[in-house]
Amino acid sequence: MKKFYSILLALTLIGAAEPYSTASPEQVDARVEDSKKRLEQTEGGKLLWESIKAHGGQKQWFSNGLFFFRWTYHMDDAGLTKDTSQTIDTWSARARHEGHGDLEGITFGWDGKKAWISPEDADLGFPASFWALTPYYFVGVPHVLADPGTIHEKLADQISLDGNNYDQVKVTYKSGTGESPDDYYITLIDPQTKLVKGVRYIVTSPLVLKGRKPVEKLLTYEGWHKVSGIFLPKSHRTFVMDGDIIGKQIRSAEVSDARFLGEQKISFEHK
């Protein structure tokens, strides 16, 4: 995973560290077709592919170019807020963050090969390499769960949330995928609309856990709205899971100013 941790597993597999503008329509079509073929091999993959189509489709996802949004993440259980605006290259999984609040004046990101931060002695309170694409990975569900190295399994049981039942697709990773192949994500998919209601996930990277035991959490998707043909959430809630029982809410987040920038030029490198 080249010093990326847990949540960034699939994104590093593409290996394309070039700007979006180098991707031709033919390349986009080839990548979409590859994803479709892989996912249609299993029942779980087929359901996830239906969800991806319901969210606007992978072709639209990649064809929109650079993706900009602000993610304000409230860690109520720790009394912290992580607030950054970020520009993401969805094609090559590169990122640039501009900090707000306690992170004002700090920029950091992932240039396709390594993480960077400016000023170099800035303290984010978390690894820049971990957070560079973490918000994007969550906001980019279900599209990002179709990358190479992913395994998809439709679980037999539904799960109830807010009075509704949802199908579940568990996403795991092939052996040797990244530095935290034991991570998993379980998507909650509405049986009728195929939109994602939430994702259960676990972080296993020792650099993030720092000796603590992994705890499964559930992050929800609230206020779906369409931006340039893609359904995006307006907010999240995060709960602790106890098996299949949804526990107390511990975190929340707002997704604001979400928009696609096309092939607008931006540097993802440390200047």
Protein backbone atom coordinates (compact mmCIF):
# COMPACT_ATOMS: atom_id res chain seq x y z
CA MET A 1 0.00 0.00 0.00
CA LYS A 2 3.13 2.16 -0.18
CA LYS A 3 2.67 3.55 3.34
CA PHE A 4 -1.07 3.97 2.90
CA TYR A 5 -3.10 2.35 5.62
CA SER A 6 -6.34 0.42 5.89
CA ILE A 7 -8.96 2.51 4.10
CA LEU A 8 -6.67 3.19 1.13
CA LEU A 9 -6.15 -0.43 0.11
CA ALA A 10 -7.98 -0.56 -3.19
CA LEU A 11 -7.09 2.93 -4.35
CA THR A 12 -3.36 2.18 -4.57
CA LEU A 13 -3.86 -0.84 -6.80
CA ILE A 14 -4.60 1.08 -9.98
CA GLY A 15 -1.01 2.27 -10.14
CA ALA A 16 -1.89 5.27 -12.30
CA ALA A 17 -0.01 8.27 -10.94
CA GLU A 18 -0.78 10.41 -13.97
CA PRO A 19 -3.23 13.32 -14.15
CA TYR A 20 -6.83 12.70 -15.11
CA SER A 21 -6.39 14.49 -18.43
CA THR A 22 -4.25 11.61 -19.73
CA ALA A 23 -7.22 9.21 -19.55
CA SER A 24 -8.95 8.97 -22.89
CA PRO A 25 -12.61 7.98 -23.26
CA GLU A 26 -11.35 4.61 -24.49
CA GLN A 27 -9.28 4.13 -21.32
CA VAL A 28 -12.26 5.00 -19.15
CA ASP A 29 -14.43 2.52 -21.07
CA ALA A 30 -11.79 -0.20 -20.66
CA ARG A 31 -11.53 0.38 -16.92
CA VAL A 32 -15.30 0.32 -16.50
CA GLU A 33 -15.58 -2.88 -18.53
CA ASP A 34 -12.86 -4.52 -16.41
CA SER A 35 -14.72 -3.61 -13.21
CA LYS A 36 -18.00 -4.92 -14.59
CA LYS A 37 -16.49 -8.26 -15.62
CA ARG A 38 -14.88 -8.79 -12.23
CA LEU A 39 -17.94 -7.83 -10.20
CA GLU A 40 -20.38 -9.88 -12.25
CA GLN A 41 -18.55 -13.07 -11.26
CA THR A 42 -20.22 -13.16 -7.82
CA GLU A 43 -23.66 -12.44 -6.40
CA GLY A 44 -22.19 -9.80 -4.10
CA GLY A 45 -20.31 -8.19 -6.94
CA LYS A 46 -23.45 -8.08 -9.09
CA LEU A 47 -25.37 -6.30 -6.33
CA LEU A 48 -22.53 -3.82 -5.79
CA TRP A 49 -22.42 -3.14 -9.55
CA GLU A 50 -26.16 -2.41 -9.50
CA SER A 51 -25.52 0.03 -6.68
CA ILE A 52 -22.70 1.71 -8.61
CA LYS A 53 -25.07 2.17 -11.56
CA ALA A 54 -27.76 3.58 -9.26
CA HIS A 55 -25.24 6.11 -7.95
CA GLY A 56 -24.51 7.39 -11.46
CA GLY A 57 -22.22 4.74 -12.89
CA GLN A 58 -18.47 4.29 -12.98
CA LYS A 59 -18.11 5.87 -16.42
CA GLN A 60 -19.67 9.10 -15.19
CA TRP A 61 -17.58 8.89 -12.01
CA PHE A 62 -14.31 8.87 -13.94
CA SER A 63 -15.45 11.14 -16.79
CA ASN A 64 -16.30 14.02 -14.44
CA GLY A 65 -12.62 14.61 -13.72
CA LEU A 66 -11.29 16.20 -10.53
CA PHE A 67 -13.57 15.98 -7.48
CA PHE A 68 -13.68 18.74 -4.85
CA PHE A 69 -15.47 18.67 -1.49
CA ARG A 70 -15.14 19.71 2.14
CA TRP A 71 -15.36 17.04 4.84
CA THR A 72 -15.95 18.17 8.42
CA TYR A 73 -15.56 15.13 10.67
CA HIS A 74 -16.63 15.46 14.31
CA MET A 75 -15.04 12.87 16.58
CA ASP A 76 -17.43 13.36 19.48
CA ASP A 77 -15.89 10.44 21.38
CA ALA A 78 -12.49 12.17 21.31
CA GLY A 79 -13.59 15.81 21.34
CA LEU A 80 -11.85 16.47 18.01
CA THR A 81 -12.85 17.80 14.58
CA LYS A 82 -10.97 17.12 11.36
CA ASP A 83 -11.95 19.72 8.77
CA THR A 84 -10.38 19.92 5.32
CA SER A 85 -11.28 20.88 1.77
CA GLN A 86 -9.84 18.43 -0.70
CA THR A 87 -9.33 17.97 -4.39
CA ILE A 88 -9.19 14.38 -5.60
CA ASP A 89 -8.12 12.88 -8.90
CA THR A 90 -10.58 9.98 -9.09
CA TRP A 91 -8.65 8.42 -11.96
CA SER A 92 -5.27 8.11 -10.25
CA ALA A 93 -6.29 8.47 -6.58
CA ARG A 94 -4.20 11.52 -5.76
CA ALA A 95 -5.25 14.12 -3.24
CA ARG A 96 -4.57 17.61 -1.95
CA HIS A 97 -6.06 18.93 1.34
CA GLU A 98 -6.40 22.46 2.66
CA GLY A 99 -7.00 22.59 6.41
CA HIS A 100 -9.64 24.58 8.30
CA GLY A 101 -10.11 25.35 11.98
CA ASP A 102 -7.30 23.77 14.01
CA LEU A 103 -5.69 22.73 10.72
CA GLU A 104 -5.76 26.23 9.19
CA GLY A 105 -2.60 26.93 7.20
CA ILE A 106 -1.76 23.26 6.77
CA THR A 107 -1.81 21.50 3.42
CA PHE A 108 -1.12 17.81 2.84
CA GLY A 109 -1.80 15.12 0.32
CA TRP A 110 -0.80 12.09 -1.69
CA ASP A 111 1.09 12.59 -4.97
CA GLY A 112 0.61 9.06 -6.28
CA LYS A 113 3.78 7.70 -4.69
CA LYS A 114 4.11 9.25 -1.25
CA ALA A 115 2.37 11.45 1.29
CA TRP A 116 3.52 15.00 2.03
CA ILE A 117 2.64 17.81 4.43
CA SER A 118 3.34 21.53 4.59
CA PRO A 119 4.74 22.92 6.82
CA GLU A 120 6.81 19.77 7.14
CA ASP A 121 6.74 19.93 10.95
CA ALA A 122 2.95 20.39 11.12
CA ASP A 123 1.09 18.05 13.48
CA LEU A 124 -2.21 16.79 12.13
CA GLY A 125 -2.79 14.49 15.07
CA PHE A 126 -3.02 11.59 12.61
CA PRO A 127 -0.83 10.23 9.77
CA ALA A 128 -1.11 12.38 6.64
CA SER A 129 -0.69 9.22 4.58
CA PHE A 130 -3.77 7.71 6.25
CA TRP A 131 -6.04 10.75 6.03
CA ALA A 132 -5.04 11.90 2.54
CA LEU A 133 -7.65 9.69 0.88
CA THR A 134 -9.73 8.52 3.83
CA PRO A 135 -12.58 11.05 3.42
CA TYR A 136 -12.64 10.44 -0.33
CA TYR A 137 -12.83 6.70 0.17
CA PHE A 138 -15.93 7.05 2.32
CA VAL A 139 -17.61 9.65 0.11
CA GLY A 140 -16.66 7.61 -2.98
CA VAL A 141 -18.59 4.51 -1.88
CA PRO A 142 -19.73 2.44 -3.76
CA HIS A 143 -17.46 3.36 -6.71
CA VAL A 144 -14.18 2.80 -4.85
CA LEU A 145 -15.19 -0.70 -3.74
CA ALA A 146 -14.90 -2.04 -7.29
CA ASP A 147 -11.12 -1.72 -7.61
CA PRO A 148 -8.80 -4.67 -8.38
CA GLY A 149 -7.97 -6.87 -5.42
CA THR A 150 -11.45 -6.63 -3.91
CA ILE A 151 -13.61 -9.67 -3.12
CA HIS A 152 -17.39 -9.30 -2.85
CA GLU A 153 -19.76 -11.48 -0.85
CA LYS A 154 -23.51 -10.97 -0.45
CA LEU A 155 -24.37 -11.75 3.16
CA ALA A 156 -27.42 -13.90 3.83
CA ASP A 157 -28.90 -11.60 6.45
CA GLN A 158 -30.27 -8.11 6.02
CA ILE A 159 -29.67 -5.44 8.64
CA SER A 160 -32.22 -2.95 10.00
CA LEU A 161 -31.43 0.76 10.33
CA ASP A 162 -33.90 3.59 10.98
CA GLY A 163 -36.82 1.20 10.50
CA ASN A 164 -35.72 -0.14 7.10
CA ASN A 165 -33.99 -3.35 6.05
CA TYR A 166 -30.89 -3.35 3.86
CA ASP A 167 -28.99 -5.98 1.88
CA GLN A 168 -25.34 -6.36 2.81
CA VAL A 169 -22.30 -6.88 0.59
CA LYS A 170 -19.02 -7.59 2.35
CA VAL A 171 -15.88 -6.36 0.61
CA THR A 172 -12.58 -7.96 1.59
CA TYR A 173 -9.16 -8.03 -0.07
CA LYS A 174 -7.01 -10.65 -1.71
CA SER A 175 -3.95 -11.83 0.19
CA GLY A 176 -1.05 -9.45 -0.26
CA THR A 177 -3.24 -6.50 -1.08
CA GLY A 178 -1.71 -3.51 0.66
CA GLU A 179 -0.43 -3.41 4.23
CA SER A 180 -3.79 -4.08 5.93
CA PRO A 181 -5.48 -6.89 3.97
CA ASP A 182 -7.60 -7.81 7.00
CA ASP A 183 -9.70 -4.67 6.62
CA TYR A 184 -13.25 -5.11 5.38
CA TYR A 185 -16.23 -2.98 4.38
CA ILE A 186 -19.85 -4.12 4.48
CA THR A 187 -22.11 -1.96 2.36
CA LEU A 188 -25.79 -1.55 3.31
CA ILE A 189 -27.75 -1.36 0.06
CA ASP A 190 -31.41 -0.41 -0.26
CA PRO A 191 -33.18 -3.37 -1.98
CA GLN A 192 -35.41 -1.02 -3.99
CA THR A 193 -33.29 1.99 -4.93
CA LYS A 194 -29.88 0.23 -4.72
CA LEU A 195 -28.50 3.36 -3.02
CA VAL A 196 -26.08 2.82 -0.15
CA LYS A 197 -27.39 3.60 3.32
CA GLY A 198 -24.20 2.86 5.20
CA VAL A 199 -20.91 1.01 5.34
CA ARG A 200 -19.64 -1.12 8.20
CA TYR A 201 -15.86 -1.09 8.36
CA ILE A 202 -12.87 -2.02 10.45
CA VAL A 203 -9.37 -0.53 10.56
CA THR A 204 -6.54 -2.97 11.29
CA SER A 205 -3.40 -0.93 10.59
CA PRO A 206 -1.12 -0.98 13.67
CA LEU A 207 0.03 2.55 12.85
CA VAL A 208 -3.54 3.75 13.31
CA LEU A 209 -4.58 1.45 16.16
CA LYS A 210 -1.37 1.97 18.17
CA GLY A 211 -1.98 -1.14 20.22
CA ARG A 212 -5.73 -0.72 20.53
CA LYS A 213 -8.12 -3.49 19.54
CA PRO A 214 -9.94 -2.99 16.20
CA VAL A 215 -13.56 -1.88 16.61
CA GLU A 216 -16.14 -2.20 13.85
CA LYS A 217 -18.03 0.99 13.09
CA LEU A 218 -20.97 1.90 10.87
CA LEU A 219 -20.89 5.11 8.84
CA THR A 220 -24.21 6.18 7.31
CA TYR A 221 -25.06 8.16 4.18
CA GLU A 222 -27.62 10.93 4.59
CA GLY A 223 -29.25 13.35 2.14
CA TRP A 224 -28.28 11.85 -1.20
CA HIS A 225 -28.27 14.48 -3.95
CA LYS A 226 -27.08 14.43 -7.54
CA VAL A 227 -23.95 16.35 -8.58
CA SER A 228 -22.87 16.13 -12.24
CA GLY A 229 -24.78 12.88 -12.60
CA ILE A 230 -23.37 11.29 -9.42
CA PHE A 231 -25.31 10.77 -6.17
CA LEU A 232 -23.31 12.16 -3.24
CA PRO A 233 -24.15 12.31 0.48
CA LYS A 234 -24.61 15.53 2.43
CA SER A 235 -23.72 14.06 5.83
CA HIS A 236 -22.79 10.97 7.84
CA ARG A 237 -23.36 9.46 11.25
CA THR A 238 -20.95 6.96 12.80
CA PHE A 239 -21.97 4.23 15.24
CA VAL A 240 -20.10 1.54 17.16
CA MET A 241 -21.10 -1.99 16.15
CA ASP A 242 -21.50 -4.94 18.54
CA GLY A 243 -21.74 -7.86 16.16
CA ASP A 244 -24.83 -7.11 14.08
CA ILE A 245 -26.20 -4.77 16.74
CA ILE A 246 -25.88 -1.04 16.00
CA GLY A 247 -24.65 0.72 19.13
CA LYS A 248 -24.35 4.35 20.15
CA GLN A 249 -23.49 7.19 17.80
CA ILE A 250 -19.96 8.47 18.39
CA ARG A 251 -19.23 10.67 15.37
CA SER A 252 -20.79 12.71 12.58
CA ALA A 253 -19.64 14.50 9.46
CA GLU A 254 -20.83 17.04 6.91
CA VAL A 255 -20.03 16.89 3.20
CA SER A 256 -20.24 20.37 1.70
CA ASP A 257 -19.34 22.28 -1.48
CA ALA A 258 -19.15 19.02 -3.44
CA ARG A 259 -18.48 19.54 -7.14
CA PHE A 260 -16.54 18.12 -10.05
CA LEU A 261 -13.88 20.30 -11.69
CA GLY A 262 -13.32 18.46 -14.94
CA GLU A 263 -9.73 18.58 -16.18
CA GLN A 264 -8.78 21.68 -14.22
CA LYS A 265 -5.06 21.70 -13.53
CA ILE A 266 -3.89 21.30 -9.94
CA SER A 267 -0.63 20.20 -8.35
CA PHE A 268 -0.80 17.14 -6.12
CA GLU A 269 2.89 17.45 -5.29
CA HIS A 270 4.60 19.12 -2.36
CA LYS A 271 5.68 22.59 -3.50
